[in-house]
C-alpha atoms as a PDB file:
ATOM      1  CA  MET A   1      93.121  62.756  89.479  1.00  0.00           C
ATOM      2  CA  PRO A   2      91.862  64.642  86.685  1.00  0.00           C
ATOM      3  CA  VAL A   3      94.405  66.836  84.739  1.00  0.00           C
ATOM      4  CA  ASN A   4      93.341  69.889  82.616  1.00  0.00           C
ATOM      5  CA  PRO A   5      96.495  71.384  81.170  1.00  0.00           C
ATOM      6  CA  VAL A   6      94.208  74.242  79.708  1.00  0.00           C
ATOM      7  CA  ILE A   7      92.312  76.252  82.210  1.00  0.00           C
ATOM      8  CA  ALA A   8      90.484  79.679  81.312  1.00  0.00           C
ATOM      9  CA  GLY A   9      92.793  79.554  78.015  1.00  0.00           C
ATOM     10  CA  ILE A  10      95.819  79.405  79.912  1.00  0.00           C
ATOM     11  CA  GLY A  11      98.178  76.327  79.018  1.00  0.00           C
ATOM     12  CA  SER A  12     101.290  76.720  80.665  1.00  0.00           C
ATOM     13  CA  PRO A  13     103.195  78.466  83.532  1.00  0.00           C
ATOM     14  CA  PRO A  14     104.533  81.297  81.408  1.00  0.00           C
ATOM     15  CA  GLU A  15     101.153  82.034  80.133  1.00  0.00           C
ATOM     16  CA  LEU A  16      99.523  82.268  83.675  1.00  0.00           C
ATOM     17  CA  HIS A  17     102.720  84.769  84.640  1.00  0.00           C
ATOM     18  CA  ASP A  18     101.645  87.172  81.808  1.00  0.00           C
ATOM     19  CA  ALA A  19      98.159  86.535  82.846  1.00  0.00           C
ATOM     20  CA  LEU A  20      98.796  87.339  86.513  1.00  0.00           C
ATOM     21  CA  LEU A  21     100.938  90.574  85.204  1.00  0.00           C
ATOM     22  CA  ALA A  22      98.073  91.891  83.051  1.00  0.00           C
ATOM     23  CA  ALA A  23      96.052  91.757  86.678  1.00  0.00           C
ATOM     24  CA  GLN A  24      98.644  93.706  88.309  1.00  0.00           C
ATOM     25  CA  TYR A  25     100.562  90.847  90.104  1.00  0.00           C
ATOM     26  CA  LEU A  26     104.379  90.196  89.476  1.00  0.00           C
ATOM     27  CA  ALA A  27     104.632  86.995  89.998  1.00  0.00           C
ATOM     28  CA  ASP A  28     108.232  84.960  89.895  1.00  0.00           C
ATOM     29  CA  ASP A  29     108.684  81.823  87.657  1.00  0.00           C
ATOM     30  CA  ASP A  30     108.451  79.553  90.411  1.00  0.00           C
ATOM     31  CA  LEU A  31     105.029  80.839  91.815  1.00  0.00           C
ATOM     32  CA  SER A  32     103.405  80.727  88.163  1.00  0.00           C
ATOM     33  CA  THR A  33     104.736  77.311  87.988  1.00  0.00           C
ATOM     34  CA  ALA A  34     103.008  75.998  91.284  1.00  0.00           C
ATOM     35  CA  ALA A  35      99.762  77.958  90.664  1.00  0.00           C
ATOM     36  CA  TYR A  36      99.519  76.538  86.960  1.00  0.00           C
ATOM     37  CA  LEU A  37     100.251  72.850  88.299  1.00  0.00           C
ATOM     38  CA  ALA A  38      97.370  73.413  91.174  1.00  0.00           C
ATOM     39  CA  LEU A  39      94.932  74.256  88.350  1.00  0.00           C
ATOM     40  CA  ALA A  40      95.772  71.964  85.720  1.00  0.00           C
ATOM     41  CA  LEU A  41      96.029  69.075  88.482  1.00  0.00           C
ATOM     42  CA  GLY A  42      92.713  70.147  90.303  1.00  0.00           C
ATOM     43  CA  LYS A  43      94.605  70.579  93.654  1.00  0.00           C
ATOM     44  CA  PRO A  44      94.358  73.280  96.297  1.00  0.00           C
ATOM     45  CA  LEU A  45      97.246  75.753  96.238  1.00  0.00           C
ATOM     46  CA  LEU A  46      98.945  76.220  99.492  1.00  0.00           C
ATOM     47  CA  LEU A  47     100.876  79.471  99.728  1.00  0.00           C
ATOM     48  CA  GLU A  48     103.474  79.998 102.577  1.00  0.00           C
ATOM     49  CA  GLY A  49     105.597  83.079 103.360  1.00  0.00           C
ATOM     50  CA  LEU A  50     106.059  85.617 106.123  1.00  0.00           C
ATOM     51  CA  PRO A  51     103.534  88.317 106.504  1.00  0.00           C
ATOM     52  CA  GLY A  52     103.479  91.022 103.548  1.00  0.00           C
ATOM     53  CA  VAL A  53     104.945  88.858 100.805  1.00  0.00           C
ATOM     54  CA  GLY A  54     101.924  88.873  98.655  1.00  0.00           C
ATOM     55  CA  LYS A  55     100.285  85.686  99.366  1.00  0.00           C
ATOM     56  CA  THR A  56      96.625  86.975  99.445  1.00  0.00           C
ATOM     57  CA  GLU A  57      97.144  89.370  96.820  1.00  0.00           C
ATOM     58  CA  ALA A  58      98.364  86.297  94.413  1.00  0.00           C
ATOM     59  CA  ALA A  59      94.909  84.371  95.283  1.00  0.00           C
ATOM     60  CA  LYS A  60      92.936  87.719  94.487  1.00  0.00           C
ATOM     61  CA  ALA A  61      94.830  87.958  91.047  1.00  0.00           C
ATOM     62  CA  LEU A  62      94.336  84.726  90.164  1.00  0.00           C
ATOM     63  CA  ALA A  63      90.613  84.912  90.893  1.00  0.00           C
ATOM     64  CA  SER A  64      90.810  87.684  88.448  1.00  0.00           C
ATOM     65  CA  VAL A  65      92.647  85.705  85.703  1.00  0.00           C
ATOM     66  CA  LEU A  66      90.366  82.980  85.880  1.00  0.00           C
ATOM     67  CA  GLY A  67      87.165  85.128  85.905  1.00  0.00           C
ATOM     68  CA  ARG A  68      86.112  83.479  89.009  1.00  0.00           C
ATOM     69  CA  ARG A  69      84.428  85.450  92.215  1.00  0.00           C
ATOM     70  CA  LEU A  70      86.720  85.461  95.126  1.00  0.00           C
ATOM     71  CA  ILE A  71      85.112  83.890  98.328  1.00  0.00           C
ATOM     72  CA  ARG A  72      87.449  84.652 101.377  1.00  0.00           C
ATOM     73  CA  LEU A  73      87.595  82.645 104.473  1.00  0.00           C
ATOM     74  CA  GLN A  74      89.521  84.693 106.973  1.00  0.00           C
ATOM     75  CA  CYS A  75      90.907  82.047 109.761  1.00  0.00           C
ATOM     76  CA  TYR A  76      91.231  83.284 113.382  1.00  0.00           C
ATOM     77  CA  GLU A  77      91.810  81.145 116.703  1.00  0.00           C
ATOM     78  CA  GLY A  78      88.534  79.267 117.482  1.00  0.00           C
ATOM     79  CA  ILE A  79      87.053  79.384 114.372  1.00  0.00           C
ATOM     80  CA  ASP A  80      84.533  76.456 114.175  1.00  0.00           C
ATOM     81  CA  ALA A  81      82.678  74.422 111.176  1.00  0.00           C
ATOM     82  CA  GLY A  82      79.619  76.827 111.853  1.00  0.00           C
ATOM     83  CA  ALA A  83      81.412  80.061 110.990  1.00  0.00           C
ATOM     84  CA  ALA A  84      82.884  78.597 108.029  1.00  0.00           C
ATOM     85  CA  LEU A  85      80.056  76.621 106.721  1.00  0.00           C
ATOM     86  CA  TYR A  86      76.506  77.992 107.330  1.00  0.00           C
ATOM     87  CA  GLU A  87      74.097  78.519 110.123  1.00  0.00           C
ATOM     88  CA  TRP A  88      70.340  79.253 110.176  1.00  0.00           C
ATOM     89  CA  ASN A  89      68.850  82.458 110.723  1.00  0.00           C
ATOM     90  CA  TYR A  90      67.340  81.773 113.953  1.00  0.00           C
ATOM     91  CA  PRO A  91      65.350  85.146 114.559  1.00  0.00           C
ATOM     92  CA  ARG A  92      63.776  84.884 110.969  1.00  0.00           C
ATOM     93  CA  GLN A  93      62.827  81.485 111.668  1.00  0.00           C
ATOM     94  CA  MET A  94      60.928  82.195 114.972  1.00  0.00           C
ATOM     95  CA  LEU A  95      59.482  85.194 113.278  1.00  0.00           C
ATOM     96  CA  ALA A  96      57.959  82.638 110.473  1.00  0.00           C
ATOM     97  CA  ILE A  97      56.709  80.506 112.997  1.00  0.00           C
ATOM     98  CA  ARG A  98      54.863  83.168 114.912  1.00  0.00           C
ATOM     99  CA  GLN A  99      53.239  84.796 111.574  1.00  0.00           C
ATOM    100  CA  ALA A 100      52.180  81.308 110.591  1.00  0.00           C
ATOM    101  CA  GLY A 101      50.271  80.880 113.746  1.00  0.00           C
ATOM    102  CA  ASP A 102      48.728  77.078 113.392  1.00  0.00           C
ATOM    103  CA  ASP A 103      49.633  77.042 109.603  1.00  0.00           C
ATOM    104  CA  TYR A 104      52.761  74.773 108.817  1.00  0.00           C
ATOM    105  CA  VAL A 105      55.797  76.562 107.804  1.00  0.00           C
ATOM    106  CA  ASN A 106      59.033  75.133 106.678  1.00  0.00           C
ATOM    107  CA  ILE A 107      61.555  76.841 108.221  1.00  0.00           C
ATOM    108  CA  TYR A 108      64.879  75.210 106.698  1.00  0.00           C
ATOM    109  CA  LYS A 109      64.298  76.952 103.499  1.00  0.00           C
ATOM    110  CA  ASP A 110      67.089  78.774 101.592  1.00  0.00           C
ATOM    111  CA  GLU A 111      65.559  82.098 102.739  1.00  0.00           C
ATOM    112  CA  PHE A 112      66.428  80.952 106.241  1.00  0.00           C
ATOM    113  CA  LEU A 113      70.253  79.725 105.565  1.00  0.00           C
ATOM    114  CA  ILE A 114      72.937  81.787 105.854  1.00  0.00           C
ATOM    115  CA  ALA A 115      75.642  80.543 103.692  1.00  0.00           C
ATOM    116  CA  ARG A 116      79.321  81.125 105.104  1.00  0.00           C
ATOM    117  CA  PRO A 117      82.239  80.980 102.819  1.00  0.00           C
ATOM    118  CA  MET A 118      82.482  77.265 102.336  1.00  0.00           C
ATOM    119  CA  LEU A 119      79.001  76.498 101.179  1.00  0.00           C
ATOM    120  CA  ASP A 120      78.851  79.448  99.183  1.00  0.00           C
ATOM    121  CA  ALA A 121      82.064  78.157  97.557  1.00  0.00           C
ATOM    122  CA  LEU A 122      80.152  74.762  97.096  1.00  0.00           C
ATOM    123  CA  GLN A 123      77.178  76.521  95.586  1.00  0.00           C
ATOM    124  CA  ALA A 124      79.227  78.672  93.131  1.00  0.00           C
ATOM    125  CA  GLY A 125      81.375  75.483  92.270  1.00  0.00           C
ATOM    126  CA  GLY A 126      83.243  76.382  89.069  1.00  0.00           C
ATOM    127  CA  ASN A 127      82.639  80.042  89.457  1.00  0.00           C
ATOM    128  CA  ALA A 128      84.551  80.521  92.827  1.00  0.00           C
ATOM    129  CA  LEU A 129      87.836  80.736  94.101  1.00  0.00           C
ATOM    130  CA  LEU A 130      87.703  79.920  97.887  1.00  0.00           C
ATOM    131  CA  LEU A 131      90.628  81.642  99.623  1.00  0.00           C
ATOM    132  CA  ILE A 132      91.442  79.983 103.229  1.00  0.00           C
ATOM    133  CA  ASP A 133      93.542  82.863 104.509  1.00  0.00           C
ATOM    134  CA  GLU A 134      95.953  82.345 107.370  1.00  0.00           C
ATOM    135  CA  ILE A 135      95.125  78.521 107.960  1.00  0.00           C
ATOM    136  CA  ASP A 136      97.904  78.507 110.623  1.00  0.00           C
ATOM    137  CA  ARG A 137      95.840  80.820 112.735  1.00  0.00           C
ATOM    138  CA  SER A 138      92.935  78.169 113.273  1.00  0.00           C
ATOM    139  CA  ASP A 139      93.261  75.373 115.532  1.00  0.00           C
ATOM    140  CA  HIS A 140      94.012  71.417 114.622  1.00  0.00           C
ATOM    141  CA  GLU A 141      90.507  70.507 114.956  1.00  0.00           C
ATOM    142  CA  PHE A 142      89.288  73.013 112.301  1.00  0.00           C
ATOM    143  CA  GLU A 143      92.282  71.884 110.203  1.00  0.00           C
ATOM    144  CA  ALA A 144      91.061  68.380 110.459  1.00  0.00           C
ATOM    145  CA  PHE A 145      87.618  69.395 109.434  1.00  0.00           C
ATOM    146  CA  LEU A 146      88.855  71.288 106.510  1.00  0.00           C
ATOM    147  CA  LEU A 147      90.898  68.297 105.601  1.00  0.00           C
ATOM    148  CA  GLU A 148      87.530  66.281 105.327  1.00  0.00           C
ATOM    149  CA  PHE A 149      86.173  69.043 103.212  1.00  0.00           C
ATOM    150  CA  LEU A 150      89.123  69.145 100.615  1.00  0.00           C
ATOM    151  CA  SER A 151      88.834  65.342 100.220  1.00  0.00           C
ATOM    152  CA  ASP A 152      85.079  65.378  99.375  1.00  0.00           C
ATOM    153  CA  PHE A 153      83.907  68.961  98.426  1.00  0.00           C
ATOM    154  CA  GLN A 154      80.654  68.136 100.066  1.00  0.00           C
ATOM    155  CA  ILE A 155      78.690  69.020 103.389  1.00  0.00           C
ATOM    156  CA  SER A 156      76.020  67.607 105.187  1.00  0.00           C
ATOM    157  CA  ILE A 157      72.939  69.850 106.538  1.00  0.00           C
ATOM    158  CA  PRO A 158      71.059  67.720 108.584  1.00  0.00           C
ATOM    159  CA  GLU A 159      67.952  69.546 107.825  1.00  0.00           C
ATOM    160  CA  ARG A 160      68.385  69.452 104.165  1.00  0.00           C
ATOM    161  CA  GLY A 161      70.802  66.803 103.322  1.00  0.00           C
ATOM    162  CA  THR A 162      74.309  66.541 101.266  1.00  0.00           C
ATOM    163  CA  VAL A 163      75.307  69.612  99.333  1.00  0.00           C
ATOM    164  CA  ARG A 164      78.001  68.616  96.644  1.00  0.00           C
ATOM    165  CA  ALA A 165      79.974  70.901  94.461  1.00  0.00           C
ATOM    166  CA  ASP A 166      79.015  70.147  90.651  1.00  0.00           C
ATOM    167  CA  GLN A 167      82.307  71.503  89.754  1.00  0.00           C
ATOM    168  CA  ARG A 168      84.958  71.789  92.060  1.00  0.00           C
ATOM    169  CA  PRO A 169      86.022  75.509  93.280  1.00  0.00           C
ATOM    170  CA  VAL A 170      89.679  76.658  93.076  1.00  0.00           C
ATOM    171  CA  VAL A 171      91.088  76.614  96.387  1.00  0.00           C
ATOM    172  CA  VAL A 172      94.064  78.641  97.756  1.00  0.00           C
ATOM    173  CA  LEU A 173      95.272  78.319 101.341  1.00  0.00           C
ATOM    174  CA  THR A 174      97.675  80.889 102.788  1.00  0.00           C
ATOM    175  CA  SER A 175     100.121  80.469 105.802  1.00  0.00           C
ATOM    176  CA  ASN A 176     102.075  82.753 107.895  1.00  0.00           C
ATOM    177  CA  ARG A 177     103.653  79.453 109.504  1.00  0.00           C
ATOM    178  CA  THR A 178     103.040  80.774 112.811  1.00  0.00           C
ATOM    179  CA  ARG A 179     102.647  76.816 113.527  1.00  0.00           C
ATOM    180  CA  GLU A 180     103.527  73.780 111.538  1.00  0.00           C
ATOM    181  CA  LEU A 181     100.367  72.301 109.294  1.00  0.00           C
ATOM    182  CA  HIS A 182      99.423  68.796 109.485  1.00  0.00           C
ATOM    183  CA  GLU A 183     101.399  66.692 107.053  1.00  0.00           C
ATOM    184  CA  ALA A 184      98.040  65.441 105.525  1.00  0.00           C
ATOM    185  CA  LEU A 185      96.871  68.759 104.654  1.00  0.00           C
ATOM    186  CA  ARG A 186     100.094  69.415 102.714  1.00  0.00           C
ATOM    187  CA  ARG A 187     100.311  66.110 100.826  1.00  0.00           C
ATOM    188  CA  ARG A 188      96.809  67.390  99.441  1.00  0.00           C
ATOM    189  CA  CYS A 189      98.137  70.511  98.157  1.00  0.00           C
ATOM    190  CA  VAL A 190     100.480  72.112  95.846  1.00  0.00           C
ATOM    191  CA  TYR A 191     102.961  73.849  97.955  1.00  0.00           C
ATOM    192  CA  HIS A 192     104.721  77.222  97.201  1.00  0.00           C
ATOM    193  CA  TRP A 193     106.874  79.616  99.832  1.00  0.00           C
ATOM    194  CA  ILE A 194     106.921  83.007  98.794  1.00  0.00           C
ATOM    195  CA  GLU A 195     109.822  84.888  99.690  1.00  0.00           C
ATOM    196  CA  TYR A 196     110.170  88.805  99.820  1.00  0.00           C
ATOM    197  CA  PRO A 197     110.735  89.829  96.179  1.00  0.00           C
ATOM    198  CA  ASP A 198     114.302  90.774  95.171  1.00  0.00           C
ATOM    199  CA  ALA A 199     115.176  94.461  94.862  1.00  0.00           C
ATOM    200  CA  GLN A 200     114.727  94.633  90.938  1.00  0.00           C
ATOM    201  CA  ARG A 201     111.280  92.920  90.787  1.00  0.00           C
ATOM    202  CA  GLU A 202     109.959  94.822  94.181  1.00  0.00           C
ATOM    203  CA  ALA A 203     110.736  97.883  92.511  1.00  0.00           C
ATOM    204  CA  SER A 204     108.948  97.002  89.420  1.00  0.00           C
ATOM    205  CA  ILE A 205     106.081  96.093  91.699  1.00  0.00           C
ATOM    206  CA  VAL A 206     106.319  99.779  92.953  1.00  0.00           C
ATOM    207  CA  MET A 207     106.241 101.061  89.660  1.00  0.00           C
ATOM    208  CA  MET A 208     103.402  98.854  88.293  1.00  0.00           C
ATOM    209  CA  ARG A 209     101.117  99.663  91.245  1.00  0.00           C
ATOM    210  CA  ALA A 210     101.922 103.601  91.778  1.00  0.00           C
ATOM    211  CA  SER A 211     101.985 105.340  88.624  1.00  0.00           C
ATOM    212  CA  SER A 212     103.086 108.659  90.268  1.00  0.00           C
ATOM    213  CA  VAL A 213     106.256 107.180  91.468  1.00  0.00           C
ATOM    214  CA  ALA A 214     109.560 107.563  89.522  1.00  0.00           C
ATOM    215  CA  ARG A 215     111.898 104.501  89.067  1.00  0.00           C
ATOM    216  CA  ASP A 216     114.808 106.093  91.053  1.00  0.00           C
ATOM    217  CA  THR A 217     112.271 106.847  93.903  1.00  0.00           C
ATOM    218  CA  ALA A 218     111.143 103.365  94.000  1.00  0.00           C
ATOM    219  CA  ASP A 219     114.853 102.025  94.097  1.00  0.00           C
ATOM    220  CA  LYS A 220     115.378 104.403  96.766  1.00  0.00           C
ATOM    221  CA  VAL A 221     112.367 103.079  98.841  1.00  0.00           C
ATOM    222  CA  VAL A 222     113.159  99.313  98.104  1.00  0.00           C
ATOM    223  CA  ALA A 223     116.776  99.625  99.252  1.00  0.00           C
ATOM    224  CA  ALA A 224     115.465 101.372 102.797  1.00  0.00           C
ATOM    225  CA  VAL A 225     112.682  98.576 103.127  1.00  0.00           C
ATOM    226  CA  SER A 226     115.293  96.073 102.612  1.00  0.00           C
ATOM    227  CA  ARG A 227     117.472  97.728 105.389  1.00  0.00           C
ATOM    228  CA  LEU A 228     114.502  97.712 107.618  1.00  0.00           C
ATOM    229  CA  ARG A 229     113.686  94.128 106.804  1.00  0.00           C
ATOM    230  CA  ALA A 230     117.353  93.134 108.334  1.00  0.00           C
ATOM    231  CA  GLU A 231     116.234  94.784 111.644  1.00  0.00           C
ATOM    232  CA  PRO A 232     114.764  92.538 114.261  1.00  0.00           C
ATOM    233  CA  LEU A 233     111.292  94.199 113.717  1.00  0.00           C
ATOM    234  CA  ALA A 234     107.956  92.709 115.289  1.00  0.00           C
ATOM    235  CA  LYS A 235     106.511  93.938 112.106  1.00  0.00           C
ATOM    236  CA  PRO A 236     108.718  94.243 109.060  1.00  0.00           C
ATOM    237  CA  PRO A 237     107.275  96.180 106.067  1.00  0.00           C
ATOM    238  CA  GLY A 238     105.626  93.821 103.544  1.00  0.00           C
ATOM    239  CA  VAL A 239     105.213  94.635  99.878  1.00  0.00           C
ATOM    240  CA  ALA A 240     102.124  96.506 100.193  1.00  0.00           C
ATOM    241  CA  GLU A 241     103.955  98.934 102.642  1.00  0.00           C
ATOM    242  CA  THR A 242     106.881  99.567 100.377  1.00  0.00           C
ATOM    243  CA  VAL A 243     104.191 100.427  97.573  1.00  0.00           C
ATOM    244  CA  GLU A 244     102.656 103.005 100.361  1.00  0.00           C
ATOM    245  CA  TRP A 245     105.721 104.468 101.526  1.00  0.00           C
ATOM    246  CA  ALA A 246     106.886 105.137  97.981  1.00  0.00           C
ATOM    247  CA  GLU A 247     103.720 107.009  97.222  1.00  0.00           C
ATOM    248  CA  ALA A 248     103.763 108.789 100.441  1.00  0.00           C
ATOM    249  CA  ALA A 249     107.407 110.042  99.978  1.00  0.00           C
ATOM    250  CA  THR A 250     106.431 111.186  96.528  1.00  0.00           C
ATOM    251  CA  LEU A 251     103.509 113.230  97.848  1.00  0.00           C
ATOM    252  CA  LEU A 252     105.609 114.766 100.419  1.00  0.00           C
ATOM    253  CA  ASN A 253     108.414 115.680  97.866  1.00  0.00           C
ATOM    254  CA  ILE A 254     106.060 117.339  95.345  1.00  0.00           C
ATOM    255  CA  GLN A 255     105.159 119.454  98.110  1.00  0.00           C
ATOM    256  CA  GLY A 256     108.740 120.663  99.065  1.00  0.00           C
ATOM    257  CA  ALA A 257     110.501 118.038 101.365  1.00  0.00           C
ATOM    258  CA  ASP A 258     113.805 116.591 100.210  1.00  0.00           C
ATOM    259  CA  TRP A 259     113.857 112.814  99.788  1.00  0.00           C
ATOM    260  CA  PRO A 260     115.693 112.013 102.961  1.00  0.00           C
ATOM    261  CA  ASP A 261     113.257 114.142 105.001  1.00  0.00           C
ATOM    262  CA  ALA A 262     110.018 112.940 102.647  1.00  0.00           C
ATOM    263  CA  PHE A 263     111.292 109.305 103.690  1.00  0.00           C
ATOM    264  CA  LYS A 264     111.616 110.103 107.239  1.00  0.00           C
ATOM    265  CA  ARG A 265     108.234 111.933 107.614  1.00  0.00           C
ATOM    266  CA  ALA A 266     106.244 109.302 106.039  1.00  0.00           C
ATOM    267  CA  ILE A 267     108.005 106.317 108.098  1.00  0.00           C
ATOM    268  CA  GLY A 268     104.421 105.596 109.728  1.00  0.00           C
ATOM    269  CA  VAL A 269     103.221 104.208 106.431  1.00  0.00           C
ATOM    270  CA  ALA A 270     106.144 101.794 106.337  1.00  0.00           C
ATOM    271  CA  LEU A 271     106.385 100.815 110.103  1.00  0.00           C
ATOM    272  CA  LYS A 272     103.060 100.668 112.010  1.00  0.00           C
ATOM    273  CA  ASP A 273     104.345  99.255 115.396  1.00  0.00           C
ATOM    274  CA  GLN A 274     105.259 101.725 118.065  1.00  0.00           C
ATOM    275  CA  GLU A 275     108.083  99.401 119.545  1.00  0.00           C
ATOM    276  CA  ASP A 276     109.417  98.889 115.997  1.00  0.00           C
ATOM    277  CA  LEU A 277     109.534 102.740 115.563  1.00  0.00           C
ATOM    278  CA  SER A 278     111.217 103.211 118.842  1.00  0.00           C
ATOM    279  CA  PHE A 279     113.532 100.409 118.422  1.00  0.00           C
ATOM    280  CA  ILE A 280     114.728 101.989 114.875  1.00  0.00           C
ATOM    281  CA  ALA A 281     114.697 105.658 115.910  1.00  0.00           C
ATOM    282  CA  SER A 282     118.192 106.084 116.865  1.00  0.00           C
ATOM    283  CA  ARG A 283     119.397 104.732 113.168  1.00  0.00           C
ATOM    284  CA  ILE A 284     116.572 105.864 110.893  1.00  0.00           C
ATOM    285  CA  ASP A 285     118.381 108.592 109.532  1.00  0.00           C
ATOM    286  CA  GLN A 286     121.576 106.481 108.783  1.00  0.00           C
ATOM    287  CA  ILE A 287     118.867 103.819 106.976  1.00  0.00           C
ATOM    288  CA  ILE A 288     117.111 106.529 105.070  1.00  0.00           C
ATOM    289  CA  THR A 289     120.276 108.588 104.271  1.00  0.00           C
ATOM    290  CA  GLY A 290     122.041 105.877 103.045  1.00  0.00           C
ATOM    291  CA  ALA A 291     119.009 104.582 100.845  1.00  0.00           C
ATOM    292  CA  ALA A 292     118.175 107.832  99.321  1.00  0.00           C
ATOM    293  CA  ALA A 293     122.032 108.642  98.628  1.00  0.00           C
END
């Protein structure tokens, strides 16, 4: 396995931490270390955690730091190799055949090939970061196919031959852990579990991403979000919702609402599920007033 201790000028976890910070992503030391080791060892990075903790944003920030194009494969139930790799543009092929008449036409040229994310990443090679998002939403068959792809970084197109990456793309996989991933896939990756940030770091994230929000407001909204996450909600607020709630409450406060009222009126920015809103309705005043005190 090749080891490259310096990637894009980054030679240590602290250097990667600082680079991610410059890209507006506040990583903790453990995430910075895991991401650096994945890069240095040439292995995929597998990020697991609850929805909203910043897994996808970490991949985006890493692509920015490395100066690579982000290619995203969003997984879903029933996704297959065709949706992830490539497909032929059959309407254009048929049109070309009709227009050619009796003349020969090669319908397997690049102009008829639609590259999906994995083929796109192979072709881009060292200029790409392939984000395989929410791999746990796919089925075991697709996971097995992905395992082969990550081992060889090549695909076979029957009409064209084998396509290999001249230089392997950086690969980041994310999982919300709605199901267990195969052990063979985990073994090929550097693994990191992302927790919700602690209150101080989450407030710093709010300040970094929402310039209009005061530090006191950031602390209040983080406290309220922490209380909401302690409730048995179907969709607890993630970090992005924390930032958006702070921005929304700040806007309403500027327009004249006091803080408890501003937080309450903007609750639809933090909670986006009607059952959650109904469940929390009887205690929302207590949660918000206590956080805004």
